[in-house]
Protein backbone atom coordinates (compact mmCIF):
# COMPACT_ATOMS: atom_id res chain seq x y z
CA MET A 1 -7.83 -16.74 -22.23
CA LEU A 2 -10.07 -14.35 -24.20
CA PHE A 3 -13.35 -13.20 -23.00
CA THR A 4 -16.05 -11.43 -24.94
CA LEU A 5 -17.27 -8.16 -23.69
CA ILE A 6 -20.15 -10.02 -21.89
CA GLY A 7 -17.57 -12.45 -20.50
CA TYR A 8 -15.58 -9.43 -18.92
CA ASP A 9 -18.92 -8.02 -17.49
CA ASP A 10 -19.69 -11.34 -15.86
CA LEU A 11 -16.20 -11.58 -14.49
CA PHE A 12 -16.26 -7.95 -13.23
CA LYS A 13 -19.60 -8.54 -11.48
CA LYS A 14 -18.12 -11.64 -9.85
CA TYR A 15 -15.01 -9.68 -8.63
CA PHE A 16 -17.24 -6.83 -7.40
CA ASN A 17 -19.54 -9.04 -5.50
CA THR A 18 -16.62 -10.90 -4.04
CA TYR A 19 -14.29 -8.10 -3.09
CA LYS A 20 -16.44 -5.06 -2.56
CA TYR A 21 -16.46 -5.36 1.28
CA MET A 22 -12.72 -5.94 1.31
CA VAL A 23 -12.03 -2.84 -0.80
CA TYR A 24 -14.42 -0.69 1.31
CA HIS A 25 -12.75 -1.94 4.47
CA ILE A 26 -9.45 -1.06 3.33
CA ALA A 27 -10.53 2.33 2.26
CA TYR A 28 -12.50 3.11 5.53
CA THR A 29 -9.73 1.98 7.83
CA LYS A 30 -7.42 4.47 6.19
CA LEU A 31 -9.76 7.17 5.89
CA ASN A 32 -12.33 6.79 8.58
CA ASP A 33 -14.93 8.40 6.41
CA HIS A 34 -17.89 6.47 4.83
CA GLN A 35 -18.42 8.88 1.88
CA LEU A 36 -14.66 8.97 1.01
CA ALA A 37 -14.47 5.06 1.45
CA GLU A 38 -17.27 4.65 -1.13
CA ASP A 39 -15.58 7.06 -3.49
CA VAL A 40 -12.32 4.97 -3.16
CA MET A 41 -14.24 1.79 -3.77
CA GLN A 42 -15.95 3.29 -6.83
CA GLU A 43 -12.58 4.53 -8.18
CA THR A 44 -10.89 1.12 -7.38
CA PHE A 45 -13.56 -0.93 -9.41
CA TYR A 46 -13.43 1.56 -12.24
CA LYS A 47 -9.69 1.00 -12.42
CA LEU A 48 -10.36 -2.74 -12.40
CA SER A 49 -12.79 -2.54 -15.21
CA LYS A 50 -10.03 -0.89 -17.32
CA ASN A 51 -7.36 -3.42 -16.40
CA ILE A 52 -9.25 -6.65 -15.88
CA ASP A 53 -7.87 -8.27 -19.05
CA ARG A 54 -4.32 -7.93 -17.60
CA LEU A 55 -4.96 -9.98 -14.41
CA LYS A 56 -4.63 -13.65 -14.89
CA THR A 57 -5.75 -15.29 -11.67
CA GLU A 58 -8.22 -14.42 -8.85
CA ASP A 59 -5.19 -13.99 -6.53
CA ASP A 60 -3.76 -11.46 -8.93
CA VAL A 61 -7.02 -9.61 -8.90
CA LYS A 62 -7.24 -9.78 -5.06
CA TYR A 63 -3.83 -8.39 -4.64
CA TRP A 64 -4.29 -5.86 -7.35
CA LEU A 65 -7.39 -4.58 -5.63
CA ILE A 66 -5.68 -4.42 -2.37
CA THR A 67 -2.79 -2.39 -3.78
CA VAL A 68 -5.12 0.01 -5.87
CA ALA A 69 -7.61 0.50 -2.97
CA GLY A 70 -4.65 1.37 -0.55
CA ASN A 71 -3.19 3.76 -3.09
CA CYS A 72 -6.51 5.48 -3.87
CA ALA A 73 -7.21 5.70 -0.16
CA LYS A 74 -3.81 7.34 0.30
CA SER A 75 -4.52 9.84 -2.38
CA ALA A 76 -7.86 10.54 -1.01
CA LEU A 77 -6.44 11.17 2.44
CA ALA A 78 -3.83 13.51 0.97
CA ARG A 79 -6.58 15.47 -0.85
CA LYS A 80 -8.58 15.52 2.38
CA ASN A 81 -5.85 16.74 4.45
CA ASN A 82 -4.30 18.92 1.66
CA LYS A 83 -1.44 19.95 3.96
CA THR A 84 1.70 21.80 2.86
CA VAL A 85 4.86 20.39 4.46
CA LEU A 86 6.82 23.24 5.91
CA LEU A 87 10.60 23.19 5.91
CA GLU A 88 10.59 23.41 9.67
CA ASP A 89 8.50 20.17 9.84
CA VAL A 90 11.00 18.28 7.72
CA GLU A 91 13.79 19.56 9.76
CA GLU A 92 12.02 18.41 12.94
CA GLN A 93 11.57 14.86 11.39
CA ALA A 94 15.27 14.76 10.18
CA GLY A 95 16.62 15.99 13.54
CA SER A 96 18.46 19.00 14.25
CA GLY A 97 21.34 18.32 11.76
CA GLY A 98 20.29 21.05 9.26
CA THR A 99 19.61 20.80 5.50
CA GLU A 100 22.26 18.11 4.91
CA HIS A 101 20.54 15.70 7.29
CA ILE A 102 17.17 16.70 5.57
CA PHE A 103 18.56 15.77 2.11
CA ILE A 104 19.90 12.39 3.31
CA TYR A 105 16.81 11.63 5.17
CA GLN A 106 14.79 12.43 2.00
CA GLU A 107 17.00 10.34 -0.31
CA MET A 108 16.70 7.33 2.21
CA VAL A 109 12.88 7.68 2.10
CA LYS A 110 12.97 7.86 -1.77
CA GLU A 111 15.15 4.71 -1.86
CA LEU A 112 12.84 2.96 0.65
CA ASN A 113 9.80 3.73 -1.56
CA MET A 114 11.44 2.66 -4.71
CA ALA A 115 12.52 -0.68 -3.10
CA LEU A 116 8.99 -1.16 -1.74
CA ASP A 117 7.62 -0.75 -5.20
CA THR A 118 9.69 -3.65 -6.48
CA LEU A 119 8.34 -6.08 -3.84
CA GLU A 120 5.48 -8.58 -4.65
CA PRO A 121 2.15 -7.07 -3.53
CA LYS A 122 1.68 -9.91 -0.91
CA TYR A 123 4.71 -8.47 0.83
CA MET A 124 4.56 -4.79 0.02
CA GLU A 125 0.98 -4.30 1.13
CA LEU A 126 1.76 -5.94 4.60
CA ILE A 127 4.70 -3.80 5.28
CA VAL A 128 2.80 -0.65 4.12
CA GLN A 129 -0.01 -1.52 6.46
CA LYS A 130 2.31 -2.22 9.35
CA TYR A 131 4.76 0.62 9.10
CA TYR A 132 2.80 3.34 7.26
CA TYR A 133 -0.47 2.93 8.87
CA ASN A 134 0.63 1.42 12.19
CA LYS A 135 -1.69 -1.55 12.05
CA THR A 136 -1.16 -4.60 14.09
CA VAL A 137 -0.44 -8.05 12.59
CA ARG A 138 -3.87 -9.20 13.67
CA GLU A 139 -5.53 -6.30 12.01
CA ILE A 140 -3.51 -6.83 8.86
CA ALA A 141 -4.42 -10.52 8.76
CA ARG A 142 -8.16 -9.70 9.20
CA THR A 143 -7.95 -6.96 6.45
CA PHE A 144 -6.43 -9.37 4.01
CA SER A 145 -8.49 -12.36 5.18
CA ILE A 146 -5.35 -14.47 5.88
CA PRO A 147 -4.27 -16.47 8.94
CA TYR A 148 -2.21 -14.56 11.50
CA THR A 149 0.79 -16.85 10.98
CA THR A 150 0.71 -16.24 7.26
CA ALA A 151 0.58 -12.49 7.84
CA CYS A 152 3.62 -12.79 10.24
CA PHE A 153 5.47 -14.90 7.80
CA ARG A 154 4.86 -12.55 4.90
CA LEU A 155 5.70 -9.46 6.87
CA HIS A 156 8.99 -11.11 8.10
CA ARG A 157 9.80 -12.37 4.59
CA GLY A 158 9.01 -9.12 2.98
CA LEU A 159 11.16 -7.20 5.47
CA LYS A 160 14.21 -9.54 4.65
CA ILE A 161 13.66 -8.98 0.94
CA LEU A 162 13.36 -5.24 1.43
CA GLU A 163 16.45 -5.20 3.63
CA GLN A 164 18.48 -7.06 0.93
CA LYS A 165 17.27 -4.71 -1.79
CA LEU A 166 18.19 -1.56 0.37
CA ARG A 167 21.79 -3.01 1.15
CA GLY A 168 22.18 -3.47 -2.59
CA ARG A 169 21.53 0.25 -2.97
CA GLY A 170 23.88 1.04 -0.16
CA PHE A 171 21.44 1.77 2.60
CA ASP A 172 20.56 0.07 5.90
CA LEU A 173 17.09 0.05 7.42
CA ARG A 174 18.53 0.93 10.80
CA ASP A 175 19.93 4.27 9.20
CA LEU A 176 16.36 5.19 8.44
CA GLU A 177 14.94 4.28 11.73
CA GLY A 178 17.64 6.31 13.50
CA ARG A 179 16.54 9.39 11.62
CA ARG A 180 12.93 9.30 12.88
């Protein structure tokens, strides 16, 4: 479906009016800062304006916005904190096993992130919210405006798919949990 420039403007306005509160809420819950949340919202919708022609359905737009808002908020938080990770901190996370355990832990986290990136957004975003941001399933359901049971199902299904992907790469989720 081709849109004229005016058609894209109208579509963008529709998506902005429909999803601005959702995008703001995602950013604010991660950042707990109104100004940064507004900045993330602006950045997210700017990116939408550059990619609107690639998104086919309204569901695609919604999940794309959720993903991009989350990533932008994560980047903003990293910039805000601007912390340097010290080797001692990494050793503490990996346990007292020394540099070999640190390397193994880092490789496992890298594999986990690569496997997460291959999941459908409807699964990936719920897993990220639950395990990276420690949200409850009820909070996640509210954030994504989906029923609680749908959030539970997607989280469970996403974890099963993730587990299969990691097993295919020679890793087990229990190994990663044991290193924390």
